Amino acid sequence: MDKKVALERLQERSKSSDKPEDQMAVIEKRLNNFEKNSSVVVKHFESVKKLARIDCNRPMDSVFRQVCLKIDEQLYYKKIELPRVLFICGGPGAGKGT
């Protein structure tokens, strides 16, 4: 996800929030931490062919629909054994919690 898009979404959310994590200094730190620490997780799931990529630069409702479609594709259409845990990874502002 483009950092500029993430910042815009998080800034918009901060307008209606008093949460400490919605302050700009904290937002920047969260984005930097995600970029720094997520590559190991991404590489692992990519290596075991359990990674689905989604363009999170699109509108959040579109991101949510794509997440749902990917889950359906992987779990239902391929008729694989359902996992005990489903891990959705995305940076702050990516739309995964929509």
PDB file of N, CA and C in Angstrom:
ATOM      1  N   MET A   1       0.836  -1.177   0.000  1.00  0.00           N
ATOM      2  CA  MET A   1       0.000   0.000   0.000  1.00  0.00           C
ATOM      3  C   MET A   1       0.881   1.240   0.000  1.00  0.00           C
ATOM      4  N   ASP A   2       0.494   2.189  -0.783  1.00  0.00           N
ATOM      5  CA  ASP A   2       1.228   3.446  -0.853  1.00  0.00           C
ATOM      6  C   ASP A   2       1.121   4.177   0.493  1.00  0.00           C
ATOM      7  N   LYS A   3       2.255   4.625   0.994  1.00  0.00           N
ATOM      8  CA  LYS A   3       2.280   5.290   2.299  1.00  0.00           C
ATOM      9  C   LYS A   3       1.407   6.546   2.307  1.00  0.00           C
ATOM     10  N   LYS A   4       1.354   7.248   1.183  1.00  0.00           N
ATOM     11  CA  LYS A   4       0.547   8.468   1.095  1.00  0.00           C
ATOM     12  C   LYS A   4      -0.942   8.143   1.307  1.00  0.00           C
ATOM     13  N   VAL A   5      -1.417   7.052   0.691  1.00  0.00           N
ATOM     14  CA  VAL A   5      -2.817   6.638   0.850  1.00  0.00           C
ATOM     15  C   VAL A   5      -3.094   6.277   2.311  1.00  0.00           C
ATOM     16  N   ALA A   6      -2.189   5.535   2.913  1.00  0.00           N
ATOM     17  CA  ALA A   6      -2.358   5.158   4.315  1.00  0.00           C
ATOM     18  C   ALA A   6      -2.434   6.398   5.210  1.00  0.00           C
ATOM     19  N   LEU A   7      -1.539   7.345   4.984  1.00  0.00           N
ATOM     20  CA  LEU A   7      -1.542   8.575   5.785  1.00  0.00           C
ATOM     21  C   LEU A   7      -2.849   9.349   5.620  1.00  0.00           C
ATOM     22  N   GLU A   8      -3.340   9.452   4.385  1.00  0.00           N
ATOM     23  CA  GLU A   8      -4.601  10.163   4.150  1.00  0.00           C
ATOM     24  C   GLU A   8      -5.764   9.500   4.903  1.00  0.00           C
ATOM     25  N   ARG A   9      -5.833   8.173   4.828  1.00  0.00           N
ATOM     26  CA  ARG A   9      -6.915   7.458   5.521  1.00  0.00           C
ATOM     27  C   ARG A   9      -6.828   7.630   7.028  1.00  0.00           C
ATOM     28  N   LEU A  10      -5.628   7.510   7.545  1.00  0.00           N
ATOM     29  CA  LEU A  10      -5.462   7.618   8.993  1.00  0.00           C
ATOM     30  C   LEU A  10      -5.683   9.048   9.479  1.00  0.00           C
ATOM     31  N   GLN A  11      -5.295  10.028   8.689  1.00  0.00           N
ATOM     32  CA  GLN A  11      -5.561  11.423   9.047  1.00  0.00           C
ATOM     33  C   GLN A  11      -7.061  11.695   9.055  1.00  0.00           C
ATOM     34  N   GLU A  12      -7.771  11.145   8.094  1.00  0.00           N
ATOM     35  CA  GLU A  12      -9.225  11.317   8.043  1.00  0.00           C
ATOM     36  C   GLU A  12      -9.872  10.691   9.275  1.00  0.00           C
ATOM     37  N   ARG A  13      -9.414   9.494   9.629  1.00  0.00           N
ATOM     38  CA  ARG A  13      -9.964   8.835  10.813  1.00  0.00           C
ATOM     39  C   ARG A  13      -9.669   9.628  12.083  1.00  0.00           C
ATOM     40  N   SER A  14      -8.510  10.268  12.131  1.00  0.00           N
ATOM     41  CA  SER A  14      -8.114  10.995  13.339  1.00  0.00           C
ATOM     42  C   SER A  14      -9.001  12.215  13.609  1.00  0.00           C
ATOM     43  N   LYS A  15      -9.685  12.713  12.564  1.00  0.00           N
ATOM     44  CA  LYS A  15     -10.566  13.871  12.735  1.00  0.00           C
ATOM     45  C   LYS A  15     -11.742  13.581  13.663  1.00  0.00           C
ATOM     46  N   SER A  16     -12.137  12.329  13.718  1.00  0.00           N
ATOM     47  CA  SER A  16     -13.284  11.966  14.558  1.00  0.00           C
ATOM     48  C   SER A  16     -12.878  11.044  15.702  1.00  0.00           C
ATOM     49  N   SER A  17     -11.613  11.074  16.073  1.00  0.00           N
ATOM     50  CA  SER A  17     -11.123  10.158  17.095  1.00  0.00           C
ATOM     51  C   SER A  17     -10.256  10.882  18.117  1.00  0.00           C
ATOM     52  N   ASP A  18     -10.381  10.474  19.347  1.00  0.00           N
ATOM     53  CA  ASP A  18      -9.513  10.988  20.406  1.00  0.00           C
ATOM     54  C   ASP A  18      -8.482   9.948  20.826  1.00  0.00           C
ATOM     55  N   LYS A  19      -8.364   8.881  20.047  1.00  0.00           N
ATOM     56  CA  LYS A  19      -7.441   7.798  20.391  1.00  0.00           C
ATOM     57  C   LYS A  19      -6.002   8.277  20.225  1.00  0.00           C
ATOM     58  N   PRO A  20      -5.135   7.899  21.170  1.00  0.00           N
ATOM     59  CA  PRO A  20      -3.722   8.295  21.065  1.00  0.00           C
ATOM     60  C   PRO A  20      -3.051   7.792  19.793  1.00  0.00           C
ATOM     61  N   GLU A  21      -3.475   6.610  19.293  1.00  0.00           N
ATOM     62  CA  GLU A  21      -2.839   6.061  18.093  1.00  0.00           C
ATOM     63  C   GLU A  21      -3.210   6.812  16.819  1.00  0.00           C
ATOM     64  N   ASP A  22      -4.127   7.777  16.915  1.00  0.00           N
ATOM     65  CA  ASP A  22      -4.511   8.560  15.748  1.00  0.00           C
ATOM     66  C   ASP A  22      -3.791   9.908  15.680  1.00  0.00           C
ATOM     67  N   GLN A  23      -2.788  10.112  16.529  1.00  0.00           N
ATOM     68  CA  GLN A  23      -1.968  11.322  16.452  1.00  0.00           C
ATOM     69  C   GLN A  23      -0.879  11.107  15.394  1.00  0.00           C
ATOM     70  N   MET A  24      -0.523  12.136  14.652  1.00  0.00           N
ATOM     71  CA  MET A  24       0.393  12.010  13.523  1.00  0.00           C
ATOM     72  C   MET A  24       1.726  11.348  13.876  1.00  0.00           C
ATOM     73  N   ALA A  25       2.307  11.702  15.007  1.00  0.00           N
ATOM     74  CA  ALA A  25       3.595  11.105  15.387  1.00  0.00           C
ATOM     75  C   ALA A  25       3.452   9.592  15.562  1.00  0.00           C
ATOM     76  N   VAL A  26       2.346   9.170  16.132  1.00  0.00           N
ATOM     77  CA  VAL A  26       2.095   7.746  16.363  1.00  0.00           C
ATOM     78  C   VAL A  26       1.783   7.051  15.032  1.00  0.00           C
ATOM     79  N   ILE A  27       1.022   7.710  14.177  1.00  0.00           N
ATOM     80  CA  ILE A  27       0.696   7.149  12.861  1.00  0.00           C
ATOM     81  C   ILE A  27       1.973   6.875  12.074  1.00  0.00           C
ATOM     82  N   GLU A  28       2.871   7.842  12.034  1.00  0.00           N
ATOM     83  CA  GLU A  28       4.142   7.677  11.315  1.00  0.00           C
ATOM     84  C   GLU A  28       4.933   6.501  11.880  1.00  0.00           C
ATOM     85  N   LYS A  29       4.975   6.403  13.200  1.00  0.00           N
ATOM     86  CA  LYS A  29       5.713   5.315  13.846  1.00  0.00           C
ATOM     87  C   LYS A  29       5.083   3.962  13.506  1.00  0.00           C
ATOM     88  N   ARG A  30       3.753   3.882  13.534  1.00  0.00           N
ATOM     89  CA  ARG A  30       3.068   2.630  13.197  1.00  0.00           C
ATOM     90  C   ARG A  30       3.359   2.200  11.767  1.00  0.00           C
ATOM     91  N   LEU A  31       3.294   3.139  10.831  1.00  0.00           N
ATOM     92  CA  LEU A  31       3.587   2.820   9.429  1.00  0.00           C
ATOM     93  C   LEU A  31       5.030   2.349   9.253  1.00  0.00           C
ATOM     94  N   ASN A  32       5.958   3.032   9.890  1.00  0.00           N
ATOM     95  CA  ASN A  32       7.369   2.642   9.793  1.00  0.00           C
ATOM     96  C   ASN A  32       7.610   1.268  10.405  1.00  0.00           C
ATOM     97  N   ASN A  33       6.994   1.008  11.549  1.00  0.00           N
ATOM     98  CA  ASN A  33       7.146  -0.303  12.195  1.00  0.00           C
ATOM     99  C   ASN A  33       6.577  -1.415  11.316  1.00  0.00           C
ATOM    100  N   PHE A  34       5.436  -1.156  10.702  1.00  0.00           N
ATOM    101  CA  PHE A  34       4.845  -2.171   9.830  1.00  0.00           C
ATOM    102  C   PHE A  34       5.764  -2.474   8.648  1.00  0.00           C
ATOM    103  N   GLU A  35       6.263  -1.431   8.001  1.00  0.00           N
ATOM    104  CA  GLU A  35       7.161  -1.623   6.858  1.00  0.00           C
ATOM    105  C   GLU A  35       8.408  -2.403   7.268  1.00  0.00           C
ATOM    106  N   LYS A  36       8.943  -2.074   8.421  1.00  0.00           N
ATOM    107  CA  LYS A  36      10.180  -2.694   8.902  1.00  0.00           C
ATOM    108  C   LYS A  36       9.970  -4.158   9.293  1.00  0.00           C
ATOM    109  N   ASN A  37       8.851  -4.475   9.913  1.00  0.00           N
ATOM    110  CA  ASN A  37       8.673  -5.793  10.521  1.00  0.00           C
ATOM    111  C   ASN A  37       7.822  -6.785   9.730  1.00  0.00           C
ATOM    112  N   SER A  38       7.102  -6.343   8.732  1.00  0.00           N
ATOM    113  CA  SER A  38       6.185  -7.255   8.050  1.00  0.00           C
ATOM    114  C   SER A  38       6.844  -8.115   6.980  1.00  0.00           C
ATOM    115  N   SER A  39       8.005  -7.723   6.488  1.00  0.00           N
ATOM    116  CA  SER A  39       8.609  -8.450   5.367  1.00  0.00           C
ATOM    117  C   SER A  39       8.898  -9.906   5.708  1.00  0.00           C
ATOM    118  N   VAL A  40       9.275 -10.214   6.928  1.00  0.00           N
ATOM    119  CA  VAL A  40       9.556 -11.598   7.324  1.00  0.00           C
ATOM    120  C   VAL A  40       8.281 -12.442   7.228  1.00  0.00           C
ATOM    121  N   VAL A  41       7.183 -11.905   7.696  1.00  0.00           N
ATOM    122  CA  VAL A  41       5.908 -12.618   7.652  1.00  0.00           C
ATOM    123  C   VAL A  41       5.474 -12.823   6.204  1.00  0.00           C
ATOM    124  N   VAL A  42       5.572 -11.781   5.407  1.00  0.00           N
ATOM    125  CA  VAL A  42       5.182 -11.863   3.995  1.00  0.00           C
ATOM    126  C   VAL A  42       6.030 -12.906   3.271  1.00  0.00           C
ATOM    127  N   LYS A  43       7.331 -12.882   3.477  1.00  0.00           N
ATOM    128  CA  LYS A  43       8.212 -13.848   2.811  1.00  0.00           C
ATOM    129  C   LYS A  43       7.869 -15.278   3.207  1.00  0.00           C
ATOM    130  N   HIS A  44       7.576 -15.492   4.478  1.00  0.00           N
ATOM    131  CA  HIS A  44       7.224 -16.845   4.928  1.00  0.00           C
ATOM    132  C   HIS A  44       5.975 -17.353   4.228  1.00  0.00           C
ATOM    133  N   PHE A  45       4.901 -16.581   4.277  1.00  0.00           N
ATOM    134  CA  PHE A  45       3.648 -17.034   3.685  1.00  0.00           C
ATOM    135  C   PHE A  45       3.735 -17.137   2.167  1.00  0.00           C
ATOM    136  N   GLU A  46       4.567 -16.301   1.570  1.00  0.00           N
ATOM    137  CA  GLU A  46       4.786 -16.398   0.132  1.00  0.00           C
ATOM    138  C   GLU A  46       5.503 -17.712  -0.197  1.00  0.00           C
ATOM    139  N   SER A  47       6.472 -18.082   0.620  1.00  0.00           N
ATOM    140  CA  SER A  47       7.254 -19.297   0.362  1.00  0.00           C
ATOM    141  C   SER A  47       6.423 -20.572   0.501  1.00  0.00           C
ATOM    142  N   VAL A  48       5.392 -20.547   1.328  1.00  0.00           N
ATOM    143  CA  VAL A  48       4.531 -21.731   1.493  1.00  0.00           C
ATOM    144  C   VAL A  48       3.247 -21.602   0.675  1.00  0.00           C
ATOM    145  N   LYS A  49       3.253 -20.635  -0.228  1.00  0.00           N
ATOM    146  CA  LYS A  49       2.119 -20.403  -1.144  1.00  0.00           C
ATOM    147  C   LYS A  49       0.790 -20.208  -0.411  1.00  0.00           C
ATOM    148  N   LYS A  50       0.861 -19.416   0.649  1.00  0.00           N
ATOM    149  CA  LYS A  50      -0.330 -19.098   1.438  1.00  0.00           C
ATOM    150  C   LYS A  50      -0.554 -17.595   1.511  1.00  0.00           C
ATOM    151  N   LEU A  51      -0.079 -16.875   0.509  1.00  0.00           N
ATOM    152  CA  LEU A  51      -0.170 -15.424   0.506  1.00  0.00           C
ATOM    153  C   LEU A  51      -1.032 -14.965  -0.657  1.00  0.00           C
ATOM    154  N   ALA A  52      -1.986 -14.118  -0.370  1.00  0.00           N
ATOM    155  CA  ALA A  52      -2.804 -13.495  -1.414  1.00  0.00           C
ATOM    156  C   ALA A  52      -2.580 -11.989  -1.312  1.00  0.00           C
ATOM    157  N   ARG A  53      -2.196 -11.388  -2.398  1.00  0.00           N
ATOM    158  CA  ARG A  53      -1.944  -9.937  -2.404  1.00  0.00           C
ATOM    159  C   ARG A  53      -3.180  -9.194  -2.897  1.00  0.00           C
ATOM    160  N   ILE A  54      -3.423  -8.059  -2.272  1.00  0.00           N
ATOM    161  CA  ILE A  54      -4.568  -7.217  -2.621  1.00  0.00           C
ATOM    162  C   ILE A  54      -4.082  -5.781  -2.723  1.00  0.00           C
ATOM    163  N   ASP A  55      -4.540  -5.063  -3.743  1.00  0.00           N
ATOM    164  CA  ASP A  55      -4.175  -3.659  -3.918  1.00  0.00           C
ATOM    165  C   ASP A  55      -4.994  -2.817  -2.941  1.00  0.00           C
ATOM    166  N   CYS A  56      -4.348  -2.364  -1.899  1.00  0.00           N
ATOM    167  CA  CYS A  56      -5.034  -1.597  -0.851  1.00  0.00           C
ATOM    168  C   CYS A  56      -5.065  -0.106  -1.139  1.00  0.00           C
ATOM    169  N   ASN A  57      -4.603   0.305  -2.317  1.00  0.00           N
ATOM    170  CA  ASN A  57      -4.679   1.710  -2.691  1.00  0.00           C
ATOM    171  C   ASN A  57      -6.059   2.086  -3.211  1.00  0.00           C
ATOM    172  N   ARG A  58      -6.887   1.101  -3.455  1.00  0.00           N
ATOM    173  CA  ARG A  58      -8.254   1.349  -3.925  1.00  0.00           C
ATOM    174  C   ARG A  58      -9.132   1.776  -2.749  1.00  0.00           C
ATOM    175  N   PRO A  59     -10.359   2.199  -3.024  1.00  0.00           N
ATOM    176  CA  PRO A  59     -11.264   2.570  -1.922  1.00  0.00           C
ATOM    177  C   PRO A  59     -11.456   1.402  -0.944  1.00  0.00           C
ATOM    178  N   MET A  60     -11.655   1.720   0.321  1.00  0.00           N
ATOM    179  CA  MET A  60     -11.699   0.693   1.354  1.00  0.00           C
ATOM    180  C   MET A  60     -12.801  -0.333   1.136  1.00  0.00           C
ATOM    181  N   ASP A  61     -13.955   0.076   0.602  1.00  0.00           N
ATOM    182  CA  ASP A  61     -15.002  -0.919   0.365  1.00  0.00           C
ATOM    183  C   ASP A  61     -14.569  -1.905  -0.719  1.00  0.00           C
ATOM    184  N   SER A  62     -13.796  -1.445  -1.679  1.00  0.00           N
ATOM    185  CA  SER A  62     -13.260  -2.324  -2.719  1.00  0.00           C
ATOM    186  C   SER A  62     -12.224  -3.280  -2.126  1.00  0.00           C
ATOM    187  N   VAL A  63     -11.396  -2.772  -1.226  1.00  0.00           N
ATOM    188  CA  VAL A  63     -10.404  -3.613  -0.551  1.00  0.00           C
ATOM    189  C   VAL A  63     -11.119  -4.715   0.230  1.00  0.00           C
ATOM    190  N   PHE A  64     -12.150  -4.341   0.951  1.00  0.00           N
ATOM    191  CA  PHE A  64     -12.894  -5.324   1.746  1.00  0.00           C
ATOM    192  C   PHE A  64     -13.492  -6.405   0.844  1.00  0.00           C
ATOM    193  N   ARG A  65     -14.076  -5.995  -0.281  1.00  0.00           N
ATOM    194  CA  ARG A  65     -14.655  -6.978  -1.213  1.00  0.00           C
ATOM    195  C   ARG A  65     -13.579  -7.920  -1.748  1.00  0.00           C
ATOM    196  N   GLN A  66     -12.406  -7.366  -2.067  1.00  0.00           N
ATOM    197  CA  GLN A  66     -11.315  -8.211  -2.559  1.00  0.00           C
ATOM    198  C   GLN A  66     -10.855  -9.202  -1.494  1.00  0.00           C
ATOM    199  N   VAL A  67     -10.788  -8.761  -0.242  1.00  0.00           N
ATOM    200  CA  VAL A  67     -10.422  -9.669   0.854  1.00  0.00           C
ATOM    201  C   VAL A  67     -11.426 -10.814   0.910  1.00  0.00           C
ATOM    202  N   CYS A  68     -12.704 -10.491   0.856  1.00  0.00           N
ATOM    203  CA  CYS A  68     -13.750 -11.528   0.896  1.00  0.00           C
ATOM    204  C   CYS A  68     -13.626 -12.486  -0.291  1.00  0.00           C
ATOM    205  N   LEU A  69     -13.365 -11.946  -1.480  1.00  0.00           N
ATOM    206  CA  LEU A  69     -13.204 -12.792  -2.666  1.00  0.00           C
ATOM    207  C   LEU A  69     -12.000 -13.725  -2.540  1.00  0.00           C
ATOM    208  N   LYS A  70     -10.899 -13.209  -2.038  1.00  0.00           N
ATOM    209  CA  LYS A  70      -9.707 -14.045  -1.865  1.00  0.00           C
ATOM    210  C   LYS A  70      -9.954 -15.162  -0.865  1.00  0.00           C
ATOM    211  N   ILE A  71     -10.663 -14.841   0.205  1.00  0.00           N
ATOM    212  CA  ILE A  71     -10.993 -15.877   1.191  1.00  0.00           C
ATOM    213  C   ILE A  71     -11.870 -16.941   0.545  1.00  0.00           C
ATOM    214  N   ASP A  72     -12.883 -16.508  -0.185  1.00  0.00           N
ATOM    215  CA  ASP A  72     -13.756 -17.463  -0.868  1.00  0.00           C
ATOM    216  C   ASP A  72     -12.964 -18.331  -1.845  1.00  0.00           C
ATOM    217  N   GLU A  73     -12.095 -17.701  -2.640  1.00  0.00           N
ATOM    218  CA  GLU A  73     -11.294 -18.450  -3.616  1.00  0.00           C
ATOM    219  C   GLU A  73     -10.452 -19.517  -2.937  1.00  0.00           C
ATOM    220  N   GLN A  74      -9.782 -19.132  -1.883  1.00  0.00           N
ATOM    221  CA  GLN A  74      -8.846 -20.045  -1.232  1.00  0.00           C
ATOM    222  C   GLN A  74      -9.534 -21.135  -0.411  1.00  0.00           C
ATOM    223  N   LEU A  75     -10.600 -20.780   0.272  1.00  0.00           N
ATOM    224  CA  LEU A  75     -11.210 -21.735   1.195  1.00  0.00           C
ATOM    225  C   LEU A  75     -12.343 -22.546   0.595  1.00  0.00           C
ATOM    226  N   TYR A  76     -13.124 -21.933  -0.230  1.00  0.00           N
ATOM    227  CA  TYR A  76     -14.341 -22.600  -0.680  1.00  0.00           C
ATOM    228  C   TYR A  76     -14.247 -23.139  -2.101  1.00  0.00           C
ATOM    229  N   TYR A  77     -13.755 -22.333  -3.024  1.00  0.00           N
ATOM    230  CA  TYR A  77     -13.711 -22.784  -4.410  1.00  0.00           C
ATOM    231  C   TYR A  77     -12.662 -23.868  -4.624  1.00  0.00           C
ATOM    232  N   LYS A  78     -11.571 -23.786  -3.897  1.00  0.00           N
ATOM    233  CA  LYS A  78     -10.531 -24.803  -4.025  1.00  0.00           C
ATOM    234  C   LYS A  78     -10.817 -26.006  -3.118  1.00  0.00           C
ATOM    235  N   LYS A  79     -11.826 -25.872  -2.273  1.00  0.00           N
ATOM    236  CA  LYS A  79     -12.271 -26.939  -1.376  1.00  0.00           C
ATOM    237  C   LYS A  79     -11.116 -27.511  -0.549  1.00  0.00           C
ATOM    238  N   ILE A  80     -10.357 -26.616   0.050  1.00  0.00           N
ATOM    239  CA  ILE A  80      -9.273 -27.064   0.911  1.00  0.00           C
ATOM    240  C   ILE A  80      -9.798 -27.179   2.332  1.00  0.00           C
ATOM    241  N   GLU A  81      -9.029 -27.858   3.148  1.00  0.00           N
ATOM    242  CA  GLU A  81      -9.400 -27.992   4.553  1.00  0.00           C
ATOM    243  C   GLU A  81      -9.377 -26.607   5.203  1.00  0.00           C
ATOM    244  N   LEU A  82     -10.417 -26.294   5.933  1.00  0.00           N
ATOM    245  CA  LEU A  82     -10.495 -24.977   6.568  1.00  0.00           C
ATOM    246  C   LEU A  82      -9.414 -24.840   7.637  1.00  0.00           C
ATOM    247  N   PRO A  83      -8.722 -23.706   7.633  1.00  0.00           N
ATOM    248  CA  PRO A  83      -7.678 -23.503   8.645  1.00  0.00           C
ATOM    249  C   PRO A  83      -8.293 -23.155   9.997  1.00  0.00           C
ATOM    250  N   ARG A  84      -7.518 -23.373  11.023  1.00  0.00           N
ATOM    251  CA  ARG A  84      -7.957 -22.984  12.365  1.00  0.00           C
ATOM    252  C   ARG A  84      -7.853 -21.474  12.547  1.00  0.00           C
ATOM    253  N   VAL A  85      -6.872 -20.892  11.877  1.00  0.00           N
ATOM    254  CA  VAL A  85      -6.614 -19.455  12.007  1.00  0.00           C
ATOM    255  C   VAL A  85      -6.465 -18.860  10.615  1.00  0.00           C
ATOM    256  N   LEU A  86      -7.053 -17.707  10.431  1.00  0.00           N
ATOM    257  CA  LEU A  86      -6.900 -16.961   9.188  1.00  0.00           C
ATOM    258  C   LEU A  86      -6.230 -15.648   9.555  1.00  0.00           C
ATOM    259  N   PHE A  87      -5.069 -15.402   8.985  1.00  0.00           N
ATOM    260  CA  PHE A  87      -4.273 -14.229   9.324  1.00  0.00           C
ATOM    261  C   PHE A  87      -4.377 -13.220   8.195  1.00  0.00           C
ATOM    262  N   ILE A  88      -4.877 -12.041   8.508  1.00  0.00           N
ATOM    263  CA  ILE A  88      -4.960 -10.972   7.516  1.00  0.00           C
ATOM    264  C   ILE A  88      -3.971  -9.892   7.940  1.00  0.00           C
ATOM    265  N   CYS A  89      -3.030  -9.620   7.061  1.00  0.00           N
ATOM    266  CA  CYS A  89      -1.955  -8.688   7.366  1.00  0.00           C
ATOM    267  C   CYS A  89      -2.078  -7.468   6.461  1.00  0.00           C
ATOM    268  N   GLY A  90      -1.966  -6.319   7.026  1.00  0.00           N
ATOM    269  CA  GLY A  90      -1.973  -5.095   6.242  1.00  0.00           C
ATOM    270  C   GLY A  90      -1.561  -3.944   7.123  1.00  0.00           C
ATOM    271  N   GLY A  91      -0.934  -3.008   6.547  1.00  0.00           N
ATOM    272  CA  GLY A  91      -0.466  -1.853   7.306  1.00  0.00           C
ATOM    273  C   GLY A  91      -1.594  -1.014   7.843  1.00  0.00           C
ATOM    274  N   PRO A  92      -1.289  -0.119   8.762  1.00  0.00           N
ATOM    275  CA  PRO A  92      -2.299   0.795   9.273  1.00  0.00           C
ATOM    276  C   PRO A  92      -2.949   1.550   8.120  1.00  0.00           C
ATOM    277  N   GLY A  93      -4.273   1.580   8.099  1.00  0.00           N
ATOM    278  CA  GLY A  93      -4.992   2.286   7.057  1.00  0.00           C
ATOM    279  C   GLY A  93      -5.243   1.461   5.809  1.00  0.00           C
ATOM    280  N   ALA A  94      -4.885   0.166   5.828  1.00  0.00           N
ATOM    281  CA  ALA A  94      -5.025  -0.669   4.627  1.00  0.00           C
ATOM    282  C   ALA A  94      -6.449  -1.084   4.353  1.00  0.00           C
ATOM    283  N   GLY A  95      -7.330  -0.988   5.348  1.00  0.00           N
ATOM    284  CA  GLY A  95      -8.718  -1.349   5.126  1.00  0.00           C
ATOM    285  C   GLY A  95      -9.081  -2.743   5.590  1.00  0.00           C
ATOM    286  N   LYS A  96      -8.164  -3.428   6.232  1.00  0.00           N
ATOM    287  CA  LYS A  96      -8.431  -4.799   6.656  1.00  0.00           C
ATOM    288  C   LYS A  96      -9.477  -4.873   7.757  1.00  0.00           C
ATOM    289  N   GLY A  97      -9.709  -3.806   8.478  1.00  0.00           N
ATOM    290  CA  GLY A  97     -10.670  -3.821   9.570  1.00  0.00           C
ATOM    291  C   GLY A  97     -12.022  -3.242   9.197  1.00  0.00           C
ATOM    292  N   THR A  98     -12.211  -2.962   7.927  1.00  0.00           N
ATOM    293  CA  THR A  98     -13.440  -2.338   7.465  1.00  0.00           C
ATOM    294  C   THR A  98     -14.647  -3.186   7.772  1.00  0.00           C
TER     295      THR A  98
END
